[in-house]
Amino acid sequence: MDKSAALRKVIMTVLTLLVIAYVIYVICRASFTQVKTVTAKESTAYNAITTNCYIIRDETLIEYGGKGVISYNVDDGEKVSVNEAVAGVFDSVDSAGTKQEISRLKTQIDSLTQLQKNSDALSQSPDEIDKAIGSYLIQANNAVKTGELSEARNNSNNICYYINERQLITGKSTDYNDRINRLQTRLNELEASSSKQKKSTDIKAPATGYFVSKADGYENLFTTKQLDEIMPGDTDKDKLKQKSLSNKVIGKTINGVYWYAACRVSADDALKIKNAGQLRLDIPTVSAEKINVELYSLNQKNKSSEALAIFRGTFMNDEMASLRWGEISIILSEYHGISIPKSAIHEKELTRTDEDKNGKKTEETKTVTGVYVKMGNEVVFRQIVPVYSGENIVISSLDKNEQPFSEDVNILELYDEIIVEGANLYDGKIIGRTA
């Protein structure tokens, strides 16, 4: 046999083996369907209206026209009483710096102590913490650019807190006792030094309320006595004239318990707000939690015109104390259950047999909504009970009293493996590995 004939024989053998392998592959693909799944987990969806809002408060400016270096005694958002010393004036930067360092150390010690105390109850995931850190980094960067150093410091403290929390929940730190002890030693040294330094005067709060170390020039453009008179458009940022502040202004107090969020909404949204039950505001830059509020008023010319929805709240922290404008989501209702991608939802016709008290049997057929789940290597249909439908997801009820239409199926449960990708799905189909 010549070399060319031998080569042809080898090539034909290889091609034959490739054809056989391909046929086996096709047969396997036909016998076992590959699917992609997601685990059924608890989720909460909100029916909300998002709009720009303006915060209205009764505020009193704090002024100081003397000489010296000012060091604040209280943090933004902290409650103060009338005539309480909110800041001290020192004769040197070093003296004021010692005071600020003492305050910073106390904040760190309190933060680490609280983390240590609650270490077993921390529930946020690393992803949630990373998101919070990212948000505070952006806020801190913006504060530095605008010269709001007090706000930058507060954001820096929040970043440190979340970094330390992340260290705990990921196991990279087990406790902070040694660090707390070192900080406490340094604090004791500074307090001993501070007692020997002279302070020329105190700056006192002019009214009882919440302290803020800066002013924005929009103070009292609207007072709380004018709330019923303000109409849509009155609070638009381009229409309000910012006041020029004296260089004597070193802060302000937010008087009283309440603040008000004035939000411009459409006539349809105004009706939804009016008919809603418990209202909450979602302000991510202020709080990770939703803030409880009540509807104070709906100001509109007539029922078909846009409205200014004014909400009244009491929640306070340093971010809320400093907020003037913001994009806020007005939460009308919330839905809790299992989150399901709409692409995973299917319909199935089910039949059940009912028997009355006389023993007469009747059949009823109904098309129900559900999903296919992976049970071992088998496809199984699970009925869902939708309580909310959004653009991309559906929330299915977690109520254990919910019953399936037919005994042939079960209700979707937590941790079921929902099939989100797979061809020609049906009950009892055998599937291969998860893609």
Protein backbone atom coordinates (compact mmCIF):
# COMPACT_ATOMS: atom_id res chain seq x y z
CA MET A 1 0.00 0.00 0.00
CA ASP A 2 1.45 3.34 -1.04
CA LYS A 3 1.70 6.26 1.37
CA SER A 4 -1.17 8.22 -0.21
CA ALA A 5 -3.58 5.30 0.18
CA ALA A 6 -2.57 4.84 3.82
CA LEU A 7 -3.08 8.55 4.46
CA ARG A 8 -6.54 8.45 2.88
CA LYS A 9 -7.43 5.50 5.09
CA VAL A 10 -6.34 7.36 8.23
CA ILE A 11 -8.33 10.45 7.21
CA MET A 12 -11.46 8.38 6.53
CA THR A 13 -11.11 6.67 9.90
CA VAL A 14 -10.83 10.01 11.71
CA LEU A 15 -13.83 11.45 9.85
CA THR A 16 -15.87 8.36 10.68
CA LEU A 17 -15.01 8.70 14.39
CA LEU A 18 -15.96 12.39 14.33
CA VAL A 19 -19.34 11.58 12.74
CA ILE A 20 -20.00 8.91 15.36
CA ALA A 21 -19.04 11.33 18.17
CA TYR A 22 -21.34 14.00 16.76
CA VAL A 23 -24.27 11.54 16.52
CA ILE A 24 -23.70 10.50 20.15
CA TYR A 25 -23.62 14.19 21.16
CA VAL A 26 -26.90 14.91 19.34
CA ILE A 27 -28.56 11.89 20.97
CA CYS A 28 -27.40 13.04 24.41
CA ARG A 29 -28.62 16.57 23.78
CA ALA A 30 -32.01 15.20 22.75
CA SER A 31 -32.22 12.99 25.83
CA PHE A 32 -31.04 15.49 28.45
CA THR A 33 -32.04 19.16 28.42
CA GLN A 34 -29.66 21.62 30.00
CA VAL A 35 -31.35 24.31 32.06
CA LYS A 36 -30.40 27.42 33.99
CA THR A 37 -31.95 27.97 37.41
CA VAL A 38 -32.19 30.57 40.16
CA THR A 39 -33.01 29.89 43.78
CA ALA A 40 -36.41 31.11 45.02
CA LYS A 41 -35.65 33.78 47.64
CA GLU A 42 -37.61 36.28 49.70
CA SER A 43 -37.91 39.74 48.22
CA THR A 44 -39.84 42.97 48.67
CA ALA A 45 -41.20 45.12 45.85
CA TYR A 46 -42.63 48.60 46.17
CA ASN A 47 -45.35 50.55 44.43
CA ALA A 48 -43.74 53.96 44.47
CA ILE A 49 -43.73 57.42 42.89
CA THR A 50 -40.31 59.01 42.38
CA THR A 51 -40.03 62.78 42.15
CA ASN A 52 -37.88 65.73 43.24
CA CYS A 53 -38.74 67.16 46.64
CA TYR A 54 -37.87 70.25 48.64
CA ILE A 55 -37.41 70.07 52.42
CA ILE A 56 -39.13 72.75 54.50
CA ARG A 57 -38.23 73.45 58.14
CA ASP A 58 -38.37 76.26 60.65
CA GLU A 59 -34.71 77.21 61.12
CA THR A 60 -32.76 79.72 63.19
CA LEU A 61 -29.30 80.82 62.08
CA ILE A 62 -26.42 80.84 64.58
CA GLU A 63 -23.92 83.68 64.23
CA TYR A 64 -20.56 84.50 65.80
CA GLY A 65 -18.60 87.59 64.86
CA GLY A 66 -15.68 87.38 67.23
CA LYS A 67 -12.12 86.13 66.81
CA GLY A 68 -10.69 82.69 67.48
CA VAL A 69 -10.87 79.15 66.17
CA ILE A 70 -14.30 77.51 66.32
CA SER A 71 -14.64 73.88 67.36
CA TYR A 72 -18.07 72.26 67.38
CA ASN A 73 -19.29 70.37 70.44
CA VAL A 74 -22.16 68.51 68.76
CA ASP A 75 -22.64 66.67 65.48
CA ASP A 76 -25.05 67.58 62.71
CA GLY A 77 -28.51 66.19 63.42
CA GLU A 78 -27.91 66.06 67.17
CA LYS A 79 -30.68 67.44 69.37
CA VAL A 80 -29.78 70.52 71.44
CA SER A 81 -31.55 72.66 74.01
CA VAL A 82 -31.85 76.43 74.02
CA ASN A 83 -28.65 78.05 75.39
CA GLU A 84 -26.73 74.77 75.11
CA ALA A 85 -23.11 75.28 74.01
CA VAL A 86 -22.94 73.96 70.45
CA ALA A 87 -19.38 75.17 69.80
CA GLY A 88 -16.38 76.59 71.60
CA VAL A 89 -14.01 79.31 70.47
CA PHE A 90 -10.30 78.64 71.12
CA ASP A 91 -7.30 80.94 70.96
CA SER A 92 -5.28 78.61 68.72
CA VAL A 93 -5.64 75.96 66.05
CA ASP A 94 -3.82 73.45 68.26
CA SER A 95 -6.34 73.88 71.06
CA ALA A 96 -9.27 73.53 68.67
CA GLY A 97 -7.57 70.57 66.97
CA THR A 98 -7.25 68.76 70.29
CA LYS A 99 -10.96 69.23 70.86
CA GLN A 100 -11.79 67.86 67.40
CA GLU A 101 -9.43 64.92 67.86
CA ILE A 102 -11.18 64.05 71.13
CA SER A 103 -14.54 64.14 69.36
CA ARG A 104 -13.22 61.95 66.53
CA LEU A 105 -11.81 59.37 68.93
CA LYS A 106 -15.05 59.22 70.88
CA THR A 107 -16.95 58.60 67.63
CA GLN A 108 -14.59 55.78 66.67
CA ILE A 109 -14.79 54.16 70.10
CA ASP A 110 -18.59 54.34 70.16
CA SER A 111 -18.79 52.92 66.63
CA LEU A 112 -16.44 49.99 67.33
CA THR A 113 -18.09 49.28 70.69
CA GLN A 114 -21.51 49.13 69.05
CA LEU A 115 -20.21 46.86 66.30
CA GLN A 116 -18.59 44.59 68.86
CA LYS A 117 -21.81 44.42 70.86
CA ASN A 118 -23.95 43.57 67.81
CA SER A 119 -21.44 41.34 66.00
CA ASP A 120 -23.62 38.23 66.33
CA ALA A 121 -26.69 40.02 64.94
CA LEU A 122 -25.14 41.63 61.84
CA SER A 123 -27.31 40.69 58.86
CA GLN A 124 -26.19 42.82 55.90
CA SER A 125 -24.44 41.01 53.06
CA PRO A 126 -21.00 42.13 51.78
CA ASP A 127 -22.69 43.35 48.57
CA GLU A 128 -25.12 45.53 50.55
CA ILE A 129 -22.24 46.96 52.59
CA ASP A 130 -20.20 47.63 49.45
CA LYS A 131 -23.15 49.51 47.99
CA ALA A 132 -23.44 51.66 51.13
CA ILE A 133 -19.69 52.38 51.13
CA GLY A 134 -19.86 53.41 47.47
CA SER A 135 -22.73 55.79 48.20
CA TYR A 136 -20.88 57.44 51.11
CA LEU A 137 -17.68 57.73 49.03
CA ILE A 138 -19.59 59.69 46.39
CA GLN A 139 -21.17 61.92 49.03
CA ALA A 140 -17.80 62.51 50.70
CA ASN A 141 -16.17 63.42 47.39
CA ASN A 142 -18.97 65.87 46.56
CA ALA A 143 -18.72 67.41 50.03
CA VAL A 144 -14.98 67.98 49.66
CA LYS A 145 -15.48 69.59 46.24
CA THR A 146 -18.05 72.04 47.67
CA GLY A 147 -16.02 72.76 50.79
CA GLU A 148 -18.51 71.11 53.18
CA LEU A 149 -15.81 69.55 55.33
CA SER A 150 -18.13 68.70 58.22
CA GLU A 151 -20.29 66.61 55.91
CA ALA A 152 -17.19 65.00 54.42
CA ARG A 153 -16.08 64.03 57.91
CA ASN A 154 -19.46 62.50 58.70
CA ASN A 155 -19.38 60.48 55.50
CA SER A 156 -15.85 59.38 56.33
CA ASN A 157 -17.05 58.09 59.69
CA ASN A 158 -19.83 56.16 57.97
CA ILE A 159 -17.34 54.62 55.53
CA CYS A 160 -15.11 53.49 58.39
CA TYR A 161 -18.09 51.97 60.20
CA TYR A 162 -19.14 49.90 57.18
CA ILE A 163 -15.58 48.80 56.44
CA ASN A 164 -15.26 47.55 60.01
CA GLU A 165 -18.64 45.81 59.75
CA ARG A 166 -17.52 44.11 56.55
CA GLN A 167 -14.38 42.90 58.27
CA LEU A 168 -16.51 41.28 60.97
CA ILE A 169 -19.06 39.53 58.77
CA THR A 170 -16.40 38.19 56.39
CA GLY A 171 -14.34 36.84 59.30
CA LYS A 172 -11.29 39.01 58.62
CA SER A 173 -11.63 40.47 62.13
CA THR A 174 -13.01 38.68 65.17
CA ASP A 175 -13.15 41.55 67.63
CA TYR A 176 -11.99 45.13 68.15
CA ASN A 177 -11.13 45.05 71.85
CA ASP A 178 -7.41 45.78 71.37
CA ARG A 179 -8.15 48.64 69.01
CA ILE A 180 -10.77 50.11 71.36
CA ASN A 181 -8.27 49.97 74.24
CA ARG A 182 -5.60 51.79 72.19
CA LEU A 183 -8.07 54.49 71.17
CA GLN A 184 -9.23 54.89 74.77
CA THR A 185 -5.64 55.34 75.97
CA ARG A 186 -5.07 58.07 73.37
CA LEU A 187 -8.38 59.71 74.31
CA ASN A 188 -7.40 59.83 77.99
CA GLU A 189 -4.11 61.53 77.09
CA LEU A 190 -5.83 64.17 74.95
CA GLU A 191 -8.50 64.89 77.56
CA ALA A 192 -5.79 65.43 80.18
CA SER A 193 -4.03 67.85 77.81
CA SER A 194 -7.29 69.59 76.88
CA SER A 195 -8.08 70.43 80.50
CA LYS A 196 -5.03 72.73 80.53
CA GLN A 197 -5.99 74.62 77.36
CA LYS A 198 -7.97 77.81 77.46
CA LYS A 199 -11.28 78.39 75.75
CA SER A 200 -12.34 82.02 75.31
CA THR A 201 -16.10 81.57 74.91
CA ASP A 202 -19.03 79.28 74.11
CA ILE A 203 -21.45 79.66 71.18
CA LYS A 204 -24.93 78.71 72.34
CA ALA A 205 -28.01 77.40 70.57
CA PRO A 206 -30.64 80.13 70.09
CA ALA A 207 -33.50 77.61 70.19
CA THR A 208 -34.28 74.00 71.05
CA GLY A 209 -34.04 71.72 68.03
CA TYR A 210 -31.53 69.87 65.87
CA PHE A 211 -28.11 71.36 65.23
CA VAL A 212 -26.56 71.75 61.76
CA SER A 213 -23.06 73.16 61.32
CA LYS A 214 -23.76 74.89 58.01
CA ALA A 215 -26.45 76.92 56.26
CA ASP A 216 -27.45 76.80 52.58
CA GLY A 217 -29.19 80.13 52.04
CA TYR A 218 -32.65 78.61 51.64
CA GLU A 219 -33.53 78.91 55.32
CA ASN A 220 -37.11 80.08 55.90
CA LEU A 221 -37.89 80.88 52.25
CA PHE A 222 -41.00 78.98 53.27
CA THR A 223 -42.04 78.55 56.89
CA THR A 224 -44.25 75.81 58.29
CA LYS A 225 -47.03 78.38 58.68
CA GLN A 226 -47.16 78.72 54.87
CA LEU A 227 -47.55 75.03 54.05
CA ASP A 228 -51.19 75.31 53.00
CA GLU A 229 -50.40 78.19 50.63
CA ILE A 230 -47.52 76.67 48.63
CA MET A 231 -48.51 75.42 45.17
CA PRO A 232 -46.83 73.18 42.56
CA GLY A 233 -43.92 74.99 40.99
CA ASP A 234 -43.33 77.29 43.96
CA THR A 235 -40.56 75.00 45.23
CA ASP A 236 -38.82 74.47 41.87
CA LYS A 237 -35.11 75.05 42.39
CA ASP A 238 -34.76 77.45 39.45
CA LYS A 239 -37.51 79.68 40.86
CA LEU A 240 -36.19 80.03 44.41
CA LYS A 241 -33.69 82.75 45.14
CA GLN A 242 -30.91 81.63 47.46
CA LYS A 243 -30.12 84.15 50.20
CA SER A 244 -26.64 85.56 50.59
CA LEU A 245 -25.36 84.57 54.03
CA SER A 246 -23.26 86.65 56.37
CA ASN A 247 -19.77 85.33 57.08
CA LYS A 248 -20.81 85.38 60.73
CA VAL A 249 -23.13 82.37 60.20
CA ILE A 250 -21.57 79.25 61.75
CA GLY A 251 -24.61 76.99 61.70
CA LYS A 252 -28.29 76.78 62.55
CA THR A 253 -30.90 74.97 64.57
CA ILE A 254 -33.87 73.15 63.06
CA ASN A 255 -36.68 74.13 65.36
CA GLY A 256 -39.41 71.79 66.51
CA VAL A 257 -39.90 68.09 65.95
CA TYR A 258 -41.18 67.99 62.36
CA TRP A 259 -39.72 68.52 58.90
CA TYR A 260 -41.75 68.61 55.69
CA ALA A 261 -41.03 67.23 52.22
CA ALA A 262 -42.83 69.12 49.43
CA CYS A 263 -43.07 66.92 46.34
CA ARG A 264 -44.52 67.89 42.95
CA VAL A 265 -46.73 65.10 41.54
CA SER A 266 -49.31 64.59 38.78
CA ALA A 267 -53.06 64.60 39.39
CA ASP A 268 -53.20 60.79 39.01
CA ASP A 269 -50.37 60.33 41.48
CA ALA A 270 -52.00 62.76 43.89
CA LEU A 271 -55.10 60.55 43.94
CA LYS A 272 -52.97 57.45 44.58
CA ILE A 273 -51.25 59.21 47.47
CA LYS A 274 -54.57 60.33 48.92
CA ASN A 275 -55.96 56.79 48.86
CA ALA A 276 -52.81 55.10 50.17
CA GLY A 277 -52.50 53.77 53.70
CA GLN A 278 -49.20 54.01 55.55
CA LEU A 279 -46.84 56.22 53.58
CA ARG A 280 -43.06 56.00 53.63
CA LEU A 281 -40.26 57.83 51.88
CA ASP A 282 -37.20 56.19 50.38
CA ILE A 283 -34.24 58.59 50.56
CA PRO A 284 -31.10 56.49 49.96
CA THR A 285 -28.72 59.37 50.72
CA VAL A 286 -30.32 59.76 54.15
CA SER A 287 -31.16 56.27 55.35
CA ALA A 288 -31.03 52.66 54.18
CA GLU A 289 -34.38 52.18 55.90
CA LYS A 290 -37.66 53.57 54.60
CA ILE A 291 -38.84 56.62 56.57
CA ASN A 292 -42.36 56.74 58.00
CA VAL A 293 -44.27 59.93 57.20
CA GLU A 294 -47.82 61.20 57.12
CA LEU A 295 -49.54 63.18 54.40
CA TYR A 296 -49.87 66.74 55.66
CA SER A 297 -51.60 68.27 52.64
CA LEU A 298 -52.26 67.97 48.91
CA ASN A 299 -52.17 71.45 47.39
CA GLN A 300 -53.71 71.70 43.91
CA LYS A 301 -55.99 74.11 42.03
CA ASN A 302 -58.48 71.39 41.12
CA LYS A 303 -58.69 67.59 41.02
CA SER A 304 -57.37 67.39 37.47
CA SER A 305 -54.33 69.61 38.00
CA GLU A 306 -50.90 68.66 39.30
CA ALA A 307 -50.38 68.84 43.04
CA LEU A 308 -47.79 69.59 45.68
CA ALA A 309 -47.86 66.66 48.11
CA ILE A 310 -46.47 67.69 51.49
CA PHE A 311 -45.35 64.96 53.87
CA ARG A 312 -44.51 65.39 57.54
CA GLY A 313 -41.79 63.35 59.24
CA THR A 314 -39.74 63.20 62.42
CA PHE A 315 -36.81 60.93 61.49
CA MET A 316 -33.53 62.75 61.99
CA ASN A 317 -29.84 62.12 61.45
CA ASP A 318 -26.99 64.24 60.11
CA GLU A 319 -27.88 63.57 56.48
CA MET A 320 -31.55 64.41 57.02
CA ALA A 321 -30.60 67.58 58.90
CA SER A 322 -28.53 68.74 55.92
CA LEU A 323 -30.92 67.71 53.14
CA ARG A 324 -32.66 70.47 51.18
CA TRP A 325 -33.30 68.95 47.75
CA GLY A 326 -33.49 65.34 46.77
CA GLU A 327 -34.97 62.70 44.50
CA ILE A 328 -37.37 60.86 46.78
CA SER A 329 -39.51 57.78 46.22
CA ILE A 330 -42.95 57.96 47.81
CA ILE A 331 -43.84 54.39 48.77
CA LEU A 332 -47.57 53.76 48.51
CA SER A 333 -47.50 50.02 49.25
CA GLU A 334 -45.11 47.11 49.49
CA TYR A 335 -45.32 43.47 48.54
CA HIS A 336 -43.39 40.69 50.20
CA GLY A 337 -42.89 37.23 48.80
CA ILE A 338 -40.78 35.26 46.31
CA SER A 339 -39.27 37.26 43.45
CA ILE A 340 -39.61 35.55 40.05
CA PRO A 341 -38.24 36.76 36.70
CA LYS A 342 -41.11 37.21 34.26
CA SER A 343 -39.23 35.16 31.71
CA ALA A 344 -39.58 32.10 33.99
CA ILE A 345 -43.39 32.23 34.22
CA HIS A 346 -45.57 29.74 32.35
CA GLU A 347 -49.26 28.83 32.20
CA LYS A 348 -50.67 25.36 32.68
CA GLU A 349 -54.20 24.02 32.36
CA LEU A 350 -55.25 22.07 35.46
CA THR A 351 -58.36 20.06 36.24
CA ARG A 352 -59.74 19.22 39.63
CA THR A 353 -62.70 17.21 40.85
CA ASP A 354 -65.00 18.60 43.53
CA GLU A 355 -67.57 16.61 45.46
CA ASP A 356 -70.59 18.19 47.15
CA LYS A 357 -72.26 16.97 50.35
CA ASN A 358 -74.52 14.65 48.35
CA GLY A 359 -71.56 12.91 46.76
CA LYS A 360 -72.03 14.49 43.36
CA LYS A 361 -68.75 15.05 41.58
CA THR A 362 -68.01 17.91 39.21
CA GLU A 363 -64.89 18.75 37.26
CA GLU A 364 -63.46 22.24 36.91
CA THR A 365 -60.68 23.24 34.54
CA LYS A 366 -58.60 26.38 34.95
CA THR A 367 -55.44 27.86 33.48
CA VAL A 368 -53.06 28.74 36.32
CA THR A 369 -49.79 30.66 36.42
CA GLY A 370 -46.62 29.04 37.64
CA VAL A 371 -43.01 28.14 37.06
CA TYR A 372 -41.06 25.01 36.30
CA VAL A 373 -38.58 23.96 38.96
CA LYS A 374 -35.72 21.48 38.98
CA MET A 375 -36.25 18.61 41.42
CA GLY A 376 -33.22 16.38 41.14
CA ASN A 377 -33.00 15.69 37.40
CA GLU A 378 -36.73 16.17 36.78
CA VAL A 379 -38.84 19.15 35.72
CA VAL A 380 -41.82 19.87 38.02
CA PHE A 381 -44.53 22.56 37.66
CA ARG A 382 -45.19 24.78 40.69
CA GLN A 383 -48.19 27.12 40.91
CA ILE A 384 -47.58 30.72 42.01
CA VAL A 385 -49.89 33.25 43.67
CA PRO A 386 -48.96 36.69 42.23
CA VAL A 387 -49.34 39.63 44.60
CA TYR A 388 -47.30 42.11 42.53
CA SER A 389 -46.28 42.43 38.89
CA GLY A 390 -43.53 44.82 37.84
CA GLU A 391 -41.71 45.44 34.59
CA ASN A 392 -39.36 42.46 34.95
CA ILE A 393 -40.45 40.54 38.03
CA VAL A 394 -43.48 39.03 39.71
CA ILE A 395 -43.79 38.59 43.48
CA SER A 396 -45.51 35.37 44.56
CA SER A 397 -47.19 35.11 47.96
CA LEU A 398 -45.46 33.37 50.85
CA ASP A 399 -48.73 32.88 52.73
CA LYS A 400 -48.73 29.26 53.94
CA ASN A 401 -52.53 29.23 53.83
CA GLU A 402 -52.53 29.55 50.03
CA GLN A 403 -53.77 26.33 48.39
CA PRO A 404 -53.02 25.15 44.83
CA PHE A 405 -55.94 24.89 42.40
CA SER A 406 -55.38 21.15 42.01
CA GLU A 407 -53.85 18.43 44.14
CA ASP A 408 -51.68 17.56 41.13
CA VAL A 409 -49.42 20.56 41.82
CA ASN A 410 -47.87 22.37 44.78
CA ILE A 411 -47.34 26.06 45.51
CA LEU A 412 -43.84 27.46 44.85
CA GLU A 413 -41.75 27.48 48.03
CA LEU A 414 -38.59 29.20 49.20
CA TYR A 415 -35.35 27.69 47.91
CA ASP A 416 -37.01 25.84 45.01
CA GLU A 417 -34.73 25.92 41.95
CA ILE A 418 -36.72 27.97 39.42
CA ILE A 419 -35.87 27.21 35.79
CA VAL A 420 -35.25 30.49 33.98
CA GLU A 421 -33.80 29.03 30.77
CA GLY A 422 -34.71 25.73 29.15
CA ALA A 423 -36.41 24.49 25.99
CA ASN A 424 -39.68 22.53 25.72
CA LEU A 425 -40.32 22.24 29.45
CA TYR A 426 -43.06 19.98 30.82
CA ASP A 427 -43.87 18.03 33.98
CA GLY A 428 -41.71 14.93 34.35
CA LYS A 429 -39.12 15.87 31.75
CA ILE A 430 -35.65 14.55 32.52
CA ILE A 431 -32.94 17.18 32.49
CA GLY A 432 -29.15 17.19 32.63
CA ARG A 433 -26.86 19.40 34.63
CA THR A 434 -27.68 23.02 35.40
CA ALA A 435 -26.14 25.38 32.87
